[in-house]
Amino acid sequence: MYKVYVKLNEDKCITSINSEIFLSNEEMQAMKNIDEGEGDKYVHAQSQYLENGLIDKYGRYNYKYVEGKVVEVAEGDKPTIEEPKAVPTEQQKINAQLMLQIAQLKAELKAVK
């Protein structure tokens, strides 16, 4: 039998998971034993135990440990994802500068007439 250990944050999200064969005694004491069994699921818990992996593509935790059970965190219960602010490319900056210069030249020409 192989034991599976997890580390939890203050929200009871599973932040780390591993099999006892890869942990020191000190690490096991700092973690919670959640299951034990035979096979790859228990030996290679980091990659095999949690069906959807520890985190999603945005780096949010996928599972919590609640009342003695591993529970998947619903999408609506995960932190919201902030879209990155658009940063103009170098070409867009050049285009904006050229448009400003053209507008300034047009204004000067109208003032001369």
Protein backbone atom coordinates (compact mmCIF):
# COMPACT_ATOMS: atom_id res chain seq x y z
CA MET A 1 0.00 0.00 0.00
CA TYR A 2 1.16 3.51 -0.85
CA LYS A 3 -0.08 6.61 0.95
CA VAL A 4 -1.03 9.85 -0.79
CA TYR A 5 -0.33 13.16 0.96
CA VAL A 6 -1.54 16.68 0.17
CA LYS A 7 -0.64 20.17 1.28
CA LEU A 8 -3.57 22.56 1.75
CA ASN A 9 -3.78 26.34 1.77
CA GLU A 10 -6.03 28.38 4.09
CA ASP A 11 -9.00 27.83 1.73
CA LYS A 12 -8.47 24.04 1.87
CA CYS A 13 -7.33 24.00 -1.76
CA ILE A 14 -4.88 21.22 -2.57
CA THR A 15 -1.65 23.02 -3.40
CA SER A 16 0.61 19.97 -3.55
CA ILE A 17 0.11 16.20 -3.85
CA ASN A 18 2.58 13.34 -3.68
CA SER A 19 3.13 9.71 -2.77
CA GLU A 20 4.89 8.80 0.44
CA ILE A 21 7.74 7.21 -1.52
CA PHE A 22 8.81 10.65 -2.76
CA LEU A 23 8.47 12.47 0.58
CA SER A 24 10.73 12.76 3.60
CA ASN A 25 9.39 12.17 7.10
CA GLU A 26 9.45 15.93 7.72
CA GLU A 27 7.42 16.57 4.56
CA MET A 28 4.86 13.91 5.47
CA GLN A 29 4.42 15.44 8.93
CA ALA A 30 3.67 18.82 7.33
CA MET A 31 1.12 17.31 4.92
CA LYS A 32 -2.20 15.47 5.26
CA ASN A 33 -2.60 11.77 4.43
CA ILE A 34 -5.75 11.53 2.30
CA ASP A 35 -5.71 8.04 0.79
CA GLU A 36 -3.78 4.85 0.29
CA GLY A 37 -3.81 2.05 -2.22
CA GLU A 38 -1.96 0.09 -4.88
CA GLY A 39 -1.02 1.06 -8.41
CA ASP A 40 0.14 4.07 -10.40
CA LYS A 41 -2.60 6.34 -9.04
CA TYR A 42 -1.02 6.07 -5.58
CA VAL A 43 2.65 5.70 -6.53
CA HIS A 44 2.61 8.58 -9.03
CA ALA A 45 0.05 10.78 -7.29
CA GLN A 46 1.41 14.03 -8.76
CA SER A 47 0.33 13.05 -12.25
CA GLN A 48 -2.19 10.26 -11.72
CA TYR A 49 -4.31 10.95 -8.64
CA LEU A 50 -6.18 14.13 -9.61
CA GLU A 51 -8.14 13.61 -12.82
CA ASN A 52 -7.82 17.23 -14.01
CA GLY A 53 -4.40 17.97 -12.55
CA LEU A 54 -3.48 20.17 -9.61
CA ILE A 55 -4.05 23.50 -11.41
CA ASP A 56 -5.92 24.70 -14.49
CA LYS A 57 -4.41 26.56 -17.46
CA TYR A 58 -4.72 29.86 -15.55
CA GLY A 59 -2.83 28.59 -12.49
CA ARG A 60 -5.93 28.21 -10.29
CA TYR A 61 -6.28 25.20 -8.00
CA ASN A 62 -8.68 22.52 -9.26
CA TYR A 63 -9.35 20.65 -6.01
CA LYS A 64 -10.16 21.14 -2.33
CA TYR A 65 -10.05 18.69 0.54
CA VAL A 66 -13.39 19.03 2.34
CA GLU A 67 -14.78 16.77 5.07
CA GLY A 68 -12.34 14.00 4.29
CA LYS A 69 -12.92 14.04 0.53
CA VAL A 70 -11.16 15.44 -2.53
CA VAL A 71 -13.68 17.74 -4.22
CA GLU A 72 -13.26 19.46 -7.58
CA VAL A 73 -13.59 23.25 -7.41
CA ALA A 74 -16.38 24.50 -9.67
CA GLU A 75 -15.37 27.06 -12.31
CA GLY A 76 -17.63 29.66 -10.68
CA ASP A 77 -15.90 29.18 -7.32
CA LYS A 78 -12.42 29.78 -8.70
CA PRO A 79 -10.86 33.27 -8.67
CA THR A 80 -11.86 35.37 -11.67
CA ILE A 81 -9.44 35.70 -14.53
CA GLU A 82 -8.32 39.18 -15.38
CA GLU A 83 -7.66 39.69 -19.06
CA PRO A 84 -4.22 41.15 -19.72
CA LYS A 85 -4.25 44.75 -20.83
CA ALA A 86 -3.44 45.22 -24.50
CA VAL A 87 0.04 46.57 -25.04
CA PRO A 88 0.59 48.30 -28.39
CA THR A 89 3.18 46.76 -30.67
CA GLU A 90 6.14 48.78 -31.92
CA GLN A 91 4.45 49.09 -35.31
CA GLN A 92 1.27 50.45 -33.70
CA LYS A 93 3.34 53.02 -31.79
CA ILE A 94 5.07 54.11 -35.02
CA ASN A 95 1.71 54.33 -36.84
CA ALA A 96 0.25 56.47 -34.06
CA GLN A 97 3.26 58.81 -34.15
CA LEU A 98 2.99 59.15 -37.94
CA MET A 99 -0.74 59.89 -37.74
CA LEU A 100 -0.04 62.60 -35.15
CA GLN A 101 2.66 64.17 -37.35
CA ILE A 102 0.33 64.11 -40.39
CA ALA A 103 -2.42 65.80 -38.38
CA GLN A 104 0.03 68.46 -37.18
CA LEU A 105 1.24 69.12 -40.74
CA LYS A 106 -2.35 69.44 -41.99
CA ALA A 107 -3.10 71.93 -39.24
CA GLU A 108 -0.03 73.99 -40.17
CA LEU A 109 -1.01 74.01 -43.86
CA LYS A 110 -4.53 75.23 -43.05
CA ALA A 111 -3.05 77.99 -40.87
CA VAL A 112 -0.84 79.17 -43.77
CA LYS A 113 -3.78 79.51 -46.26
